[in-house]
Amino acid sequence: MANHKSAIKRQRISIKKRMYNKNYRSAAKTYVARAEDLIFDNQLEEAEKVIRIATKALDKAAQKGVIHDNNASRRKSRLVLKYNAAVAAQSKK
């Protein structure tokens, strides 16, 4: 437990920031996971809509500083690659 007045304040601020960051990080993870599940289940029309939402959530998290810009870009890129692979596989059938 913190003893100094400034340490107590920093601890209080740290808890608030952690909860704030957790909301953005959790939303981004949720939408990415939902999109990946839809891609895996070959529900590509619905997946395309969720990918847009996931991209928005990742960009927002990066903008707020919750995750790094390159991290958001990498996750968006991998998600779209999975989607494009599923579309290509479906069109071959």
PDB file of N, CA and C in Angstrom:
ATOM      1  N   MET A   1       0.849  -1.182   0.000  1.00  0.00           N
ATOM      2  CA  MET A   1       0.000   0.000   0.000  1.00  0.00           C
ATOM      3  C   MET A   1       0.889   1.238   0.000  1.00  0.00           C
ATOM      4  N   ALA A   2       0.469   2.232  -0.772  1.00  0.00           N
ATOM      5  CA  ALA A   2       1.245   3.459  -0.869  1.00  0.00           C
ATOM      6  C   ALA A   2       1.139   4.261   0.427  1.00  0.00           C
ATOM      7  N   ASN A   3       2.253   4.932   0.799  1.00  0.00           N
ATOM      8  CA  ASN A   3       2.286   5.716   2.028  1.00  0.00           C
ATOM      9  C   ASN A   3       2.286   7.212   1.763  1.00  0.00           C
ATOM     10  N   HIS A   4       3.005   7.638   0.738  1.00  0.00           N
ATOM     11  CA  HIS A   4       3.099   9.062   0.442  1.00  0.00           C
ATOM     12  C   HIS A   4       1.834   9.552  -0.249  1.00  0.00           C
ATOM     13  N   LYS A   5       1.546  10.818  -0.026  1.00  0.00           N
ATOM     14  CA  LYS A   5       0.344  11.413  -0.597  1.00  0.00           C
ATOM     15  C   LYS A   5       0.367  11.335  -2.120  1.00  0.00           C
ATOM     16  N   SER A   6       1.518  11.616  -2.721  1.00  0.00           N
ATOM     17  CA  SER A   6       1.629  11.585  -4.180  1.00  0.00           C
ATOM     18  C   SER A   6       1.508  10.151  -4.717  1.00  0.00           C
ATOM     19  N   ALA A   7       2.009   9.185  -3.962  1.00  0.00           N
ATOM     20  CA  ALA A   7       1.912   7.787  -4.377  1.00  0.00           C
ATOM     21  C   ALA A   7       0.467   7.305  -4.314  1.00  0.00           C
ATOM     22  N   ILE A   8      -0.259   7.766  -3.325  1.00  0.00           N
ATOM     23  CA  ILE A   8      -1.676   7.415  -3.207  1.00  0.00           C
ATOM     24  C   ILE A   8      -2.454   7.983  -4.390  1.00  0.00           C
ATOM     25  N   LYS A   9      -2.137   9.219  -4.745  1.00  0.00           N
ATOM     26  CA  LYS A   9      -2.814   9.850  -5.883  1.00  0.00           C
ATOM     27  C   LYS A   9      -2.485   9.105  -7.180  1.00  0.00           C
ATOM     28  N   ARG A  10      -1.216   8.756  -7.370  1.00  0.00           N
ATOM     29  CA  ARG A  10      -0.804   8.039  -8.587  1.00  0.00           C
ATOM     30  C   ARG A  10      -1.502   6.686  -8.668  1.00  0.00           C
ATOM     31  N   GLN A  11      -1.664   6.047  -7.543  1.00  0.00           N
ATOM     32  CA  GLN A  11      -2.347   4.761  -7.519  1.00  0.00           C
ATOM     33  C   GLN A  11      -3.810   4.930  -7.926  1.00  0.00           C
ATOM     34  N   ARG A  12      -4.440   5.964  -7.438  1.00  0.00           N
ATOM     35  CA  ARG A  12      -5.834   6.263  -7.768  1.00  0.00           C
ATOM     36  C   ARG A  12      -5.979   6.536  -9.263  1.00  0.00           C
ATOM     37  N   ILE A  13      -5.065   7.347  -9.817  1.00  0.00           N
ATOM     38  CA  ILE A  13      -5.096   7.678 -11.242  1.00  0.00           C
ATOM     39  C   ILE A  13      -4.828   6.435 -12.088  1.00  0.00           C
ATOM     40  N   SER A  14      -3.889   5.613 -11.628  1.00  0.00           N
ATOM     41  CA  SER A  14      -3.538   4.394 -12.356  1.00  0.00           C
ATOM     42  C   SER A  14      -4.736   3.458 -12.473  1.00  0.00           C
ATOM     43  N   ILE A  15      -5.502   3.340 -11.425  1.00  0.00           N
ATOM     44  CA  ILE A  15      -6.688   2.480 -11.446  1.00  0.00           C
ATOM     45  C   ILE A  15      -7.710   3.012 -12.441  1.00  0.00           C
ATOM     46  N   LYS A  16      -7.922   4.326 -12.452  1.00  0.00           N
ATOM     47  CA  LYS A  16      -8.869   4.929 -13.389  1.00  0.00           C
ATOM     48  C   LYS A  16      -8.423   4.707 -14.831  1.00  0.00           C
ATOM     49  N   LYS A  17      -7.126   4.926 -15.091  1.00  0.00           N
ATOM     50  CA  LYS A  17      -6.606   4.751 -16.446  1.00  0.00           C
ATOM     51  C   LYS A  17      -6.696   3.291 -16.887  1.00  0.00           C
ATOM     52  N   ARG A  18      -6.461   2.378 -15.964  1.00  0.00           N
ATOM     53  CA  ARG A  18      -6.524   0.950 -16.294  1.00  0.00           C
ATOM     54  C   ARG A  18      -7.938   0.571 -16.718  1.00  0.00           C
ATOM     55  N   MET A  19      -8.933   1.054 -16.011  1.00  0.00           N
ATOM     56  CA  MET A  19     -10.316   0.756 -16.359  1.00  0.00           C
ATOM     57  C   MET A  19     -10.703   1.397 -17.687  1.00  0.00           C
ATOM     58  N   TYR A  20     -10.230   2.609 -17.926  1.00  0.00           N
ATOM     59  CA  TYR A  20     -10.490   3.329 -19.175  1.00  0.00           C
ATOM     60  C   TYR A  20      -9.882   2.558 -20.349  1.00  0.00           C
ATOM     61  N   ASN A  21      -8.622   2.141 -20.198  1.00  0.00           N
ATOM     62  CA  ASN A  21      -7.936   1.406 -21.253  1.00  0.00           C
ATOM     63  C   ASN A  21      -8.577   0.036 -21.465  1.00  0.00           C
ATOM     64  N   LYS A  22      -9.021  -0.576 -20.389  1.00  0.00           N
ATOM     65  CA  LYS A  22      -9.613  -1.913 -20.474  1.00  0.00           C
ATOM     66  C   LYS A  22     -10.860  -1.896 -21.347  1.00  0.00           C
ATOM     67  N   ASN A  23     -11.649  -0.840 -21.268  1.00  0.00           N
ATOM     68  CA  ASN A  23     -12.864  -0.748 -22.080  1.00  0.00           C
ATOM     69  C   ASN A  23     -12.537  -0.770 -23.570  1.00  0.00           C
ATOM     70  N   TYR A  24     -11.588   0.049 -23.984  1.00  0.00           N
ATOM     71  CA  TYR A  24     -11.228   0.117 -25.403  1.00  0.00           C
ATOM     72  C   TYR A  24     -10.574  -1.177 -25.877  1.00  0.00           C
ATOM     73  N   ARG A  25      -9.684  -1.727 -25.059  1.00  0.00           N
ATOM     74  CA  ARG A  25      -8.985  -2.965 -25.423  1.00  0.00           C
ATOM     75  C   ARG A  25      -9.981  -4.127 -25.523  1.00  0.00           C
ATOM     76  N   SER A  26     -10.891  -4.201 -24.585  1.00  0.00           N
ATOM     77  CA  SER A  26     -11.876  -5.275 -24.554  1.00  0.00           C
ATOM     78  C   SER A  26     -12.816  -5.194 -25.757  1.00  0.00           C
ATOM     79  N   ALA A  27     -13.260  -3.997 -26.095  1.00  0.00           N
ATOM     80  CA  ALA A  27     -14.143  -3.821 -27.250  1.00  0.00           C
ATOM     81  C   ALA A  27     -13.449  -4.268 -28.534  1.00  0.00           C
ATOM     82  N   ALA A  28     -12.196  -3.873 -28.700  1.00  0.00           N
ATOM     83  CA  ALA A  28     -11.445  -4.249 -29.895  1.00  0.00           C
ATOM     84  C   ALA A  28     -11.290  -5.764 -29.974  1.00  0.00           C
ATOM     85  N   LYS A  29     -10.922  -6.388 -28.863  1.00  0.00           N
ATOM     86  CA  LYS A  29     -10.742  -7.840 -28.849  1.00  0.00           C
ATOM     87  C   LYS A  29     -12.054  -8.565 -29.157  1.00  0.00           C
ATOM     88  N   THR A  30     -13.148  -8.067 -28.606  1.00  0.00           N
ATOM     89  CA  THR A  30     -14.451  -8.690 -28.799  1.00  0.00           C
ATOM     90  C   THR A  30     -14.850  -8.680 -30.270  1.00  0.00           C
ATOM     91  N   TYR A  31     -14.711  -7.531 -30.927  1.00  0.00           N
ATOM     92  CA  TYR A  31     -15.112  -7.429 -32.330  1.00  0.00           C
ATOM     93  C   TYR A  31     -14.202  -8.250 -33.234  1.00  0.00           C
ATOM     94  N   VAL A  32     -12.912  -8.281 -32.948  1.00  0.00           N
ATOM     95  CA  VAL A  32     -11.991  -9.087 -33.747  1.00  0.00           C
ATOM     96  C   VAL A  32     -12.341 -10.568 -33.597  1.00  0.00           C
ATOM     97  N   ALA A  33     -12.589 -11.008 -32.395  1.00  0.00           N
ATOM     98  CA  ALA A  33     -12.937 -12.413 -32.161  1.00  0.00           C
ATOM     99  C   ALA A  33     -14.259 -12.764 -32.841  1.00  0.00           C
ATOM    100  N   ARG A  34     -15.223 -11.863 -32.778  1.00  0.00           N
ATOM    101  CA  ARG A  34     -16.522 -12.100 -33.408  1.00  0.00           C
ATOM    102  C   ARG A  34     -16.358 -12.220 -34.922  1.00  0.00           C
ATOM    103  N   ALA A  35     -15.529 -11.343 -35.510  1.00  0.00           N
ATOM    104  CA  ALA A  35     -15.287 -11.395 -36.946  1.00  0.00           C
ATOM    105  C   ALA A  35     -14.596 -12.703 -37.337  1.00  0.00           C
ATOM    106  N   GLU A  36     -13.615 -13.119 -36.549  1.00  0.00           N
ATOM    107  CA  GLU A  36     -12.911 -14.368 -36.847  1.00  0.00           C
ATOM    108  C   GLU A  36     -13.853 -15.565 -36.758  1.00  0.00           C
ATOM    109  N   ASP A  37     -14.764 -15.563 -35.793  1.00  0.00           N
ATOM    110  CA  ASP A  37     -15.736 -16.652 -35.676  1.00  0.00           C
ATOM    111  C   ASP A  37     -16.654 -16.692 -36.898  1.00  0.00           C
ATOM    112  N   LEU A  38     -17.097 -15.532 -37.348  1.00  0.00           N
ATOM    113  CA  LEU A  38     -17.969 -15.473 -38.523  1.00  0.00           C
ATOM    114  C   LEU A  38     -17.241 -15.933 -39.782  1.00  0.00           C
ATOM    115  N   ILE A  39     -15.973 -15.563 -39.905  1.00  0.00           N
ATOM    116  CA  ILE A  39     -15.178 -16.010 -41.054  1.00  0.00           C
ATOM    117  C   ILE A  39     -15.036 -17.528 -41.017  1.00  0.00           C
ATOM    118  N   PHE A  40     -14.760 -18.066 -39.855  1.00  0.00           N
ATOM    119  CA  PHE A  40     -14.590 -19.507 -39.700  1.00  0.00           C
ATOM    120  C   PHE A  40     -15.877 -20.253 -40.038  1.00  0.00           C
ATOM    121  N   ASP A  41     -17.029 -19.647 -39.720  1.00  0.00           N
ATOM    122  CA  ASP A  41     -18.333 -20.262 -39.996  1.00  0.00           C
ATOM    123  C   ASP A  41     -18.841 -19.960 -41.405  1.00  0.00           C
ATOM    124  N   ASN A  42     -18.033 -19.289 -42.223  1.00  0.00           N
ATOM    125  CA  ASN A  42     -18.373 -18.926 -43.612  1.00  0.00           C
ATOM    126  C   ASN A  42     -19.605 -18.030 -43.714  1.00  0.00           C
ATOM    127  N   GLN A  43     -19.818 -17.174 -42.739  1.00  0.00           N
ATOM    128  CA  GLN A  43     -20.873 -16.166 -42.801  1.00  0.00           C
ATOM    129  C   GLN A  43     -20.209 -14.861 -43.227  1.00  0.00           C
ATOM    130  N   LEU A  44     -19.819 -14.805 -44.494  1.00  0.00           N
ATOM    131  CA  LEU A  44     -18.930 -13.745 -44.965  1.00  0.00           C
ATOM    132  C   LEU A  44     -19.610 -12.389 -45.070  1.00  0.00           C
ATOM    133  N   GLU A  45     -20.909 -12.356 -45.383  1.00  0.00           N
ATOM    134  CA  GLU A  45     -21.601 -11.062 -45.471  1.00  0.00           C
ATOM    135  C   GLU A  45     -21.644 -10.391 -44.095  1.00  0.00           C
ATOM    136  N   GLU A  46     -21.991 -11.196 -43.099  1.00  0.00           N
ATOM    137  CA  GLU A  46     -22.031 -10.675 -41.729  1.00  0.00           C
ATOM    138  C   GLU A  46     -20.621 -10.345 -41.234  1.00  0.00           C
ATOM    139  N   ALA A  47     -19.650 -11.166 -41.626  1.00  0.00           N
ATOM    140  CA  ALA A  47     -18.265 -10.954 -41.211  1.00  0.00           C
ATOM    141  C   ALA A  47     -17.748  -9.622 -41.742  1.00  0.00           C
ATOM    142  N   GLU A  48     -18.138  -9.278 -42.956  1.00  0.00           N
ATOM    143  CA  GLU A  48     -17.680  -8.010 -43.545  1.00  0.00           C
ATOM    144  C   GLU A  48     -18.155  -6.817 -42.715  1.00  0.00           C
ATOM    145  N   LYS A  49     -19.383  -6.886 -42.239  1.00  0.00           N
ATOM    146  CA  LYS A  49     -19.926  -5.807 -41.402  1.00  0.00           C
ATOM    147  C   LYS A  49     -19.167  -5.715 -40.075  1.00  0.00           C
ATOM    148  N   VAL A  50     -18.902  -6.876 -39.479  1.00  0.00           N
ATOM    149  CA  VAL A  50     -18.223  -6.899 -38.182  1.00  0.00           C
ATOM    150  C   VAL A  50     -16.762  -6.478 -38.340  1.00  0.00           C
ATOM    151  N   ILE A  51     -16.149  -6.790 -39.486  1.00  0.00           N
ATOM    152  CA  ILE A  51     -14.769  -6.359 -39.734  1.00  0.00           C
ATOM    153  C   ILE A  51     -14.684  -4.839 -39.750  1.00  0.00           C
ATOM    154  N   ARG A  52     -15.680  -4.200 -40.330  1.00  0.00           N
ATOM    155  CA  ARG A  52     -15.696  -2.721 -40.325  1.00  0.00           C
ATOM    156  C   ARG A  52     -15.754  -2.187 -38.893  1.00  0.00           C
ATOM    157  N   ILE A  53     -16.592  -2.805 -38.083  1.00  0.00           N
ATOM    158  CA  ILE A  53     -16.722  -2.374 -36.686  1.00  0.00           C
ATOM    159  C   ILE A  53     -15.428  -2.655 -35.921  1.00  0.00           C
ATOM    160  N   ALA A  54     -14.821  -3.815 -36.179  1.00  0.00           N
ATOM    161  CA  ALA A  54     -13.569  -4.176 -35.505  1.00  0.00           C
ATOM    162  C   ALA A  54     -12.460  -3.205 -35.893  1.00  0.00           C
ATOM    163  N   THR A  55     -12.414  -2.843 -37.175  1.00  0.00           N
ATOM    164  CA  THR A  55     -11.413  -1.883 -37.645  1.00  0.00           C
ATOM    165  C   THR A  55     -11.586  -0.545 -36.943  1.00  0.00           C
ATOM    166  N   LYS A  56     -12.826  -0.132 -36.810  1.00  0.00           N
ATOM    167  CA  LYS A  56     -13.110   1.131 -36.126  1.00  0.00           C
ATOM    168  C   LYS A  56     -12.677   1.063 -34.658  1.00  0.00           C
ATOM    169  N   ALA A  57     -12.961  -0.070 -34.009  1.00  0.00           N
ATOM    170  CA  ALA A  57     -12.595  -0.230 -32.597  1.00  0.00           C
ATOM    171  C   ALA A  57     -11.075  -0.239 -32.425  1.00  0.00           C
ATOM    172  N   LEU A  58     -10.362  -0.919 -33.333  1.00  0.00           N
ATOM    173  CA  LEU A  58      -8.895  -0.945 -33.258  1.00  0.00           C
ATOM    174  C   LEU A  58      -8.308   0.446 -33.496  1.00  0.00           C
ATOM    175  N   ASP A  59      -8.852   1.160 -34.477  1.00  0.00           N
ATOM    176  CA  ASP A  59      -8.367   2.515 -34.743  1.00  0.00           C
ATOM    177  C   ASP A  59      -8.610   3.438 -33.556  1.00  0.00           C
ATOM    178  N   LYS A  60      -9.759   3.288 -32.932  1.00  0.00           N
ATOM    179  CA  LYS A  60     -10.092   4.120 -31.776  1.00  0.00           C
ATOM    180  C   LYS A  60      -9.156   3.822 -30.606  1.00  0.00           C
ATOM    181  N   ALA A  61      -8.866   2.534 -30.390  1.00  0.00           N
ATOM    182  CA  ALA A  61      -7.956   2.150 -29.308  1.00  0.00           C
ATOM    183  C   ALA A  61      -6.557   2.704 -29.578  1.00  0.00           C
ATOM    184  N   ALA A  62      -6.123   2.665 -30.834  1.00  0.00           N
ATOM    185  CA  ALA A  62      -4.809   3.199 -31.185  1.00  0.00           C
ATOM    186  C   ALA A  62      -4.792   4.720 -31.029  1.00  0.00           C
ATOM    187  N   GLN A  63      -5.873   5.354 -31.419  1.00  0.00           N
ATOM    188  CA  GLN A  63      -5.963   6.813 -31.310  1.00  0.00           C
ATOM    189  C   GLN A  63      -5.897   7.259 -29.849  1.00  0.00           C
ATOM    190  N   LYS A  64      -6.510   6.491 -28.967  1.00  0.00           N
ATOM    191  CA  LYS A  64      -6.527   6.823 -27.551  1.00  0.00           C
ATOM    192  C   LYS A  64      -5.231   6.436 -26.846  1.00  0.00           C
ATOM    193  N   GLY A  65      -4.353   5.693 -27.547  1.00  0.00           N
ATOM    194  CA  GLY A  65      -3.088   5.307 -26.947  1.00  0.00           C
ATOM    195  C   GLY A  65      -3.168   4.029 -26.135  1.00  0.00           C
ATOM    196  N   VAL A  66      -4.263   3.309 -26.259  1.00  0.00           N
ATOM    197  CA  VAL A  66      -4.437   2.069 -25.509  1.00  0.00           C
ATOM    198  C   VAL A  66      -3.559   0.978 -26.105  1.00  0.00           C
ATOM    199  N   ILE A  67      -3.512   0.920 -27.432  1.00  0.00           N
ATOM    200  CA  ILE A  67      -2.602   0.016 -28.121  1.00  0.00           C
ATOM    201  C   ILE A  67      -1.770   0.842 -29.099  1.00  0.00           C
ATOM    202  N   HIS A  68      -0.661   0.300 -29.523  1.00  0.00           N
ATOM    203  CA  HIS A  68       0.226   1.010 -30.447  1.00  0.00           C
ATOM    204  C   HIS A  68      -0.384   1.021 -31.848  1.00  0.00           C
ATOM    205  N   ASP A  69      -0.084   2.053 -32.611  1.00  0.00           N
ATOM    206  CA  ASP A  69      -0.610   2.185 -33.972  1.00  0.00           C
ATOM    207  C   ASP A  69      -0.257   0.973 -34.830  1.00  0.00           C
ATOM    208  N   ASN A  70       0.986   0.527 -34.737  1.00  0.00           N
ATOM    209  CA  ASN A  70       1.412  -0.616 -35.543  1.00  0.00           C
ATOM    210  C   ASN A  70       0.704  -1.896 -35.112  1.00  0.00           C
ATOM    211  N   ASN A  71       0.409  -2.007 -33.836  1.00  0.00           N
ATOM    212  CA  ASN A  71      -0.324  -3.169 -33.328  1.00  0.00           C
ATOM    213  C   ASN A  71      -1.720  -3.200 -33.947  1.00  0.00           C
ATOM    214  N   ALA A  72      -2.379  -2.053 -33.985  1.00  0.00           N
ATOM    215  CA  ALA A  72      -3.714  -1.977 -34.587  1.00  0.00           C
ATOM    216  C   ALA A  72      -3.643  -2.311 -36.075  1.00  0.00           C
ATOM    217  N   SER A  73      -2.664  -1.774 -36.757  1.00  0.00           N
ATOM    218  CA  SER A  73      -2.511  -2.042 -38.190  1.00  0.00           C
ATOM    219  C   SER A  73      -2.277  -3.521 -38.454  1.00  0.00           C
ATOM    220  N   ARG A  74      -1.435  -4.138 -37.652  1.00  0.00           N
ATOM    221  CA  ARG A  74      -1.133  -5.554 -37.826  1.00  0.00           C
ATOM    222  C   ARG A  74      -2.379  -6.409 -37.608  1.00  0.00           C
ATOM    223  N   ARG A  75      -3.140  -6.095 -36.590  1.00  0.00           N
ATOM    224  CA  ARG A  75      -4.340  -6.876 -36.292  1.00  0.00           C
ATOM    225  C   ARG A  75      -5.407  -6.700 -37.369  1.00  0.00           C
ATOM    226  N   LYS A  76      -5.545  -5.483 -37.886  1.00  0.00           N
ATOM    227  CA  LYS A  76      -6.493  -5.244 -38.984  1.00  0.00           C
ATOM    228  C   LYS A  76      -6.061  -6.004 -40.226  1.00  0.00           C
ATOM    229  N   SER A  77      -4.771  -5.964 -40.527  1.00  0.00           N
ATOM    230  CA  SER A  77      -4.242  -6.632 -41.707  1.00  0.00           C
ATOM    231  C   SER A  77      -4.475  -8.133 -41.635  1.00  0.00           C
ATOM    232  N   ARG A  78      -4.210  -8.728 -40.501  1.00  0.00           N
ATOM    233  CA  ARG A  78      -4.384 -10.171 -40.347  1.00  0.00           C
ATOM    234  C   ARG A  78      -5.856 -10.569 -40.448  1.00  0.00           C
ATOM    235  N   LEU A  79      -6.718  -9.723 -39.926  1.00  0.00           N
ATOM    236  CA  LEU A  79      -8.151 -10.004 -39.993  1.00  0.00           C
ATOM    237  C   LEU A  79      -8.636  -9.975 -41.437  1.00  0.00           C
ATOM    238  N   VAL A  80      -8.210  -8.974 -42.188  1.00  0.00           N
ATOM    239  CA  VAL A  80      -8.629  -8.848 -43.585  1.00  0.00           C
ATOM    240  C   VAL A  80      -8.015  -9.967 -44.431  1.00  0.00           C
ATOM    241  N   LEU A  81      -6.791 -10.376 -44.116  1.00  0.00           N
ATOM    242  CA  LEU A  81      -6.184 -11.498 -44.829  1.00  0.00           C
ATOM    243  C   LEU A  81      -7.002 -12.775 -44.637  1.00  0.00           C
ATOM    244  N   LYS A  82      -7.464 -13.019 -43.422  1.00  0.00           N
ATOM    245  CA  LYS A  82      -8.295 -14.195 -43.161  1.00  0.00           C
ATOM    246  C   LYS A  82      -9.601 -14.113 -43.942  1.00  0.00           C
ATOM    247  N   TYR A  83     -10.185 -12.925 -43.961  1.00  0.00           N
ATOM    248  CA  TYR A  83     -11.438 -12.724 -44.695  1.00  0.00           C
ATOM    249  C   TYR A  83     -11.226 -12.962 -46.185  1.00  0.00           C
ATOM    250  N   ASN A  84     -10.177 -12.390 -46.754  1.00  0.00           N
ATOM    251  CA  ASN A  84      -9.908 -12.543 -48.184  1.00  0.00           C
ATOM    252  C   ASN A  84      -9.625 -13.997 -48.540  1.00  0.00           C
ATOM    253  N   ALA A  85      -8.939 -14.715 -47.675  1.00  0.00           N
ATOM    254  CA  ALA A  85      -8.673 -16.135 -47.915  1.00  0.00           C
ATOM    255  C   ALA A  85      -9.975 -16.931 -47.921  1.00  0.00           C
ATOM    256  N   ALA A  86     -10.889 -16.595 -47.013  1.00  0.00           N
ATOM    257  CA  ALA A  86     -12.174 -17.295 -46.958  1.00  0.00           C
ATOM    258  C   ALA A  86     -13.011 -16.987 -48.197  1.00  0.00           C
ATOM    259  N   VAL A  87     -12.980 -15.744 -48.657  1.00  0.00           N
ATOM    260  CA  VAL A  87     -13.716 -15.368 -49.863  1.00  0.00           C
ATOM    261  C   VAL A  87     -13.148 -16.102 -51.073  1.00  0.00           C
ATOM    262  N   ALA A  88     -11.833 -16.174 -51.173  1.00  0.00           N
ATOM    263  CA  ALA A  88     -11.185 -16.866 -52.291  1.00  0.00           C
ATOM    264  C   ALA A  88     -11.515 -18.355 -52.269  1.00  0.00           C
ATOM    265  N   ALA A  89     -11.514 -18.943 -51.087  1.00  0.00           N
ATOM    266  CA  ALA A  89     -11.825 -20.362 -50.959  1.00  0.00           C
ATOM    267  C   ALA A  89     -13.275 -20.642 -51.338  1.00  0.00           C
ATOM    268  N   GLN A  90     -14.150 -19.726 -50.975  1.00  0.00           N
ATOM    269  CA  GLN A  90     -15.572 -19.912 -51.284  1.00  0.00           C
ATOM    270  C   GLN A  90     -15.836 -19.736 -52.775  1.00  0.00           C
ATOM    271  N   SER A  91     -15.120 -18.839 -53.417  1.00  0.00           N
ATOM    272  CA  SER A  91     -15.334 -18.607 -54.847  1.00  0.00           C
ATOM    273  C   SER A  91     -14.792 -19.750 -55.703  1.00  0.00           C
ATOM    274  N   LYS A  92     -13.851 -20.534 -55.169  1.00  0.00           N
ATOM    275  CA  LYS A  92     -13.301 -21.678 -55.902  1.00  0.00           C
ATOM    276  C   LYS A  92     -14.294 -22.834 -55.964  1.00  0.00           C
ATOM    277  N   LYS A  93     -15.209 -22.888 -55.001  1.00  0.00           N
ATOM    278  CA  LYS A  93     -16.158 -24.009 -54.932  1.00  0.00           C
ATOM    279  C   LYS A  93     -17.131 -23.987 -56.072  1.00  0.00           C
TER     280      LYS A  93
END
